[in-house]
Amino acid sequence: MKKWIKNISGEIPHTGRNVNIDLDGKNLIVTGTNGSGKTSFLKAVYEKNESVDCPKKRR
């Protein structure tokens, strides 16, 4: 069974900035310059939601 993230809220790591993103069935596109925190943001979302289905990176 798939579950969808309906809302993302909290503090963006290393910035002190708070976000409240209502997805309501929509896609989220994360963009930014190198070093802006895109990966940190996505890792924080993943870590807070264990039910997110994300394949492991192959090495």
C-alpha atoms as a PDB file:
ATOM      1  CA  MET A   1       0.000   0.000   0.000  1.00  0.00           C
ATOM      2  CA  LYS A   2       1.400   3.380  -0.994  1.00  0.00           C
ATOM      3  CA  LYS A   3       1.108   6.393   1.262  1.00  0.00           C
ATOM      4  CA  TRP A   4       1.480   9.972   0.138  1.00  0.00           C
ATOM      5  CA  ILE A   5       2.997  12.832   2.067  1.00  0.00           C
ATOM      6  CA  LYS A   6       0.245  15.403   2.564  1.00  0.00           C
ATOM      7  CA  ASN A   7       2.195  18.105   4.377  1.00  0.00           C
ATOM      8  CA  ILE A   8       5.793  18.949   5.214  1.00  0.00           C
ATOM      9  CA  SER A   9       6.409  21.275   8.120  1.00  0.00           C
ATOM     10  CA  GLY A  10       9.289  22.019  10.427  1.00  0.00           C
ATOM     11  CA  GLU A  11      12.692  23.648  10.439  1.00  0.00           C
ATOM     12  CA  ILE A  12      15.019  23.374   7.453  1.00  0.00           C
ATOM     13  CA  PRO A  13      18.318  21.875   8.686  1.00  0.00           C
ATOM     14  CA  HIS A  14      21.244  24.290   9.144  1.00  0.00           C
ATOM     15  CA  THR A  15      19.127  27.374   8.288  1.00  0.00           C
ATOM     16  CA  GLY A  16      16.807  27.998  11.204  1.00  0.00           C
ATOM     17  CA  ARG A  17      14.007  28.680   8.702  1.00  0.00           C
ATOM     18  CA  ASN A  18      10.583  27.151   9.213  1.00  0.00           C
ATOM     19  CA  VAL A  19       8.495  25.744   6.373  1.00  0.00           C
ATOM     20  CA  ASN A  20       4.921  24.580   6.018  1.00  0.00           C
ATOM     21  CA  ILE A  21       4.291  22.971   2.619  1.00  0.00           C
ATOM     22  CA  ASP A  22       0.798  21.661   1.898  1.00  0.00           C
ATOM     23  CA  LEU A  23       1.207  19.073  -0.868  1.00  0.00           C
ATOM     24  CA  ASP A  24      -2.440  17.957  -1.065  1.00  0.00           C
ATOM     25  CA  GLY A  25      -1.677  15.358  -3.761  1.00  0.00           C
ATOM     26  CA  LYS A  26       0.703  17.611  -5.702  1.00  0.00           C
ATOM     27  CA  ASN A  27       4.312  16.986  -6.690  1.00  0.00           C
ATOM     28  CA  LEU A  28       7.130  18.857  -5.004  1.00  0.00           C
ATOM     29  CA  ILE A  29      10.116  20.040  -7.029  1.00  0.00           C
ATOM     30  CA  VAL A  30      13.131  21.036  -4.934  1.00  0.00           C
ATOM     31  CA  THR A  31      15.589  23.368  -6.668  1.00  0.00           C
ATOM     32  CA  GLY A  32      18.486  25.529  -5.561  1.00  0.00           C
ATOM     33  CA  THR A  33      22.119  26.311  -6.060  1.00  0.00           C
ATOM     34  CA  ASN A  34      24.912  24.023  -4.927  1.00  0.00           C
ATOM     35  CA  GLY A  35      25.179  24.034  -1.144  1.00  0.00           C
ATOM     36  CA  SER A  36      21.708  25.492  -0.590  1.00  0.00           C
ATOM     37  CA  GLY A  37      20.498  22.489   1.441  1.00  0.00           C
ATOM     38  CA  LYS A  38      18.374  20.495  -1.017  1.00  0.00           C
ATOM     39  CA  THR A  39      19.823  17.150   0.047  1.00  0.00           C
ATOM     40  CA  SER A  40      19.725  18.053   3.748  1.00  0.00           C
ATOM     41  CA  PHE A  41      16.068  19.006   3.376  1.00  0.00           C
ATOM     42  CA  LEU A  42      15.174  15.735   1.622  1.00  0.00           C
ATOM     43  CA  LYS A  43      17.150  13.648   4.126  1.00  0.00           C
ATOM     44  CA  ALA A  44      15.307  15.351   6.988  1.00  0.00           C
ATOM     45  CA  VAL A  45      11.934  14.584   5.358  1.00  0.00           C
ATOM     46  CA  TYR A  46      12.999  10.967   4.825  1.00  0.00           C
ATOM     47  CA  GLU A  47      14.274  10.535   8.393  1.00  0.00           C
ATOM     48  CA  LYS A  48      11.070  11.905   9.913  1.00  0.00           C
ATOM     49  CA  ASN A  49       8.872   9.623   7.838  1.00  0.00           C
ATOM     50  CA  GLU A  50       9.931   5.979   7.975  1.00  0.00           C
ATOM     51  CA  SER A  51       7.135   4.926   5.610  1.00  0.00           C
ATOM     52  CA  VAL A  52       8.620   6.783   2.629  1.00  0.00           C
ATOM     53  CA  ASP A  53       9.578   4.223   0.000  1.00  0.00           C
ATOM     54  CA  CYS A  54      12.988   5.273  -1.273  1.00  0.00           C
ATOM     55  CA  PRO A  55      15.331   2.810  -2.973  1.00  0.00           C
ATOM     56  CA  LYS A  56      18.866   2.588  -1.598  1.00  0.00           C
ATOM     57  CA  LYS A  57      21.610   4.066  -3.724  1.00  0.00           C
ATOM     58  CA  ARG A  58      23.679   1.426  -5.527  1.00  0.00           C
ATOM     59  CA  ARG A  59      27.449   1.597  -5.267  1.00  0.00           C
END
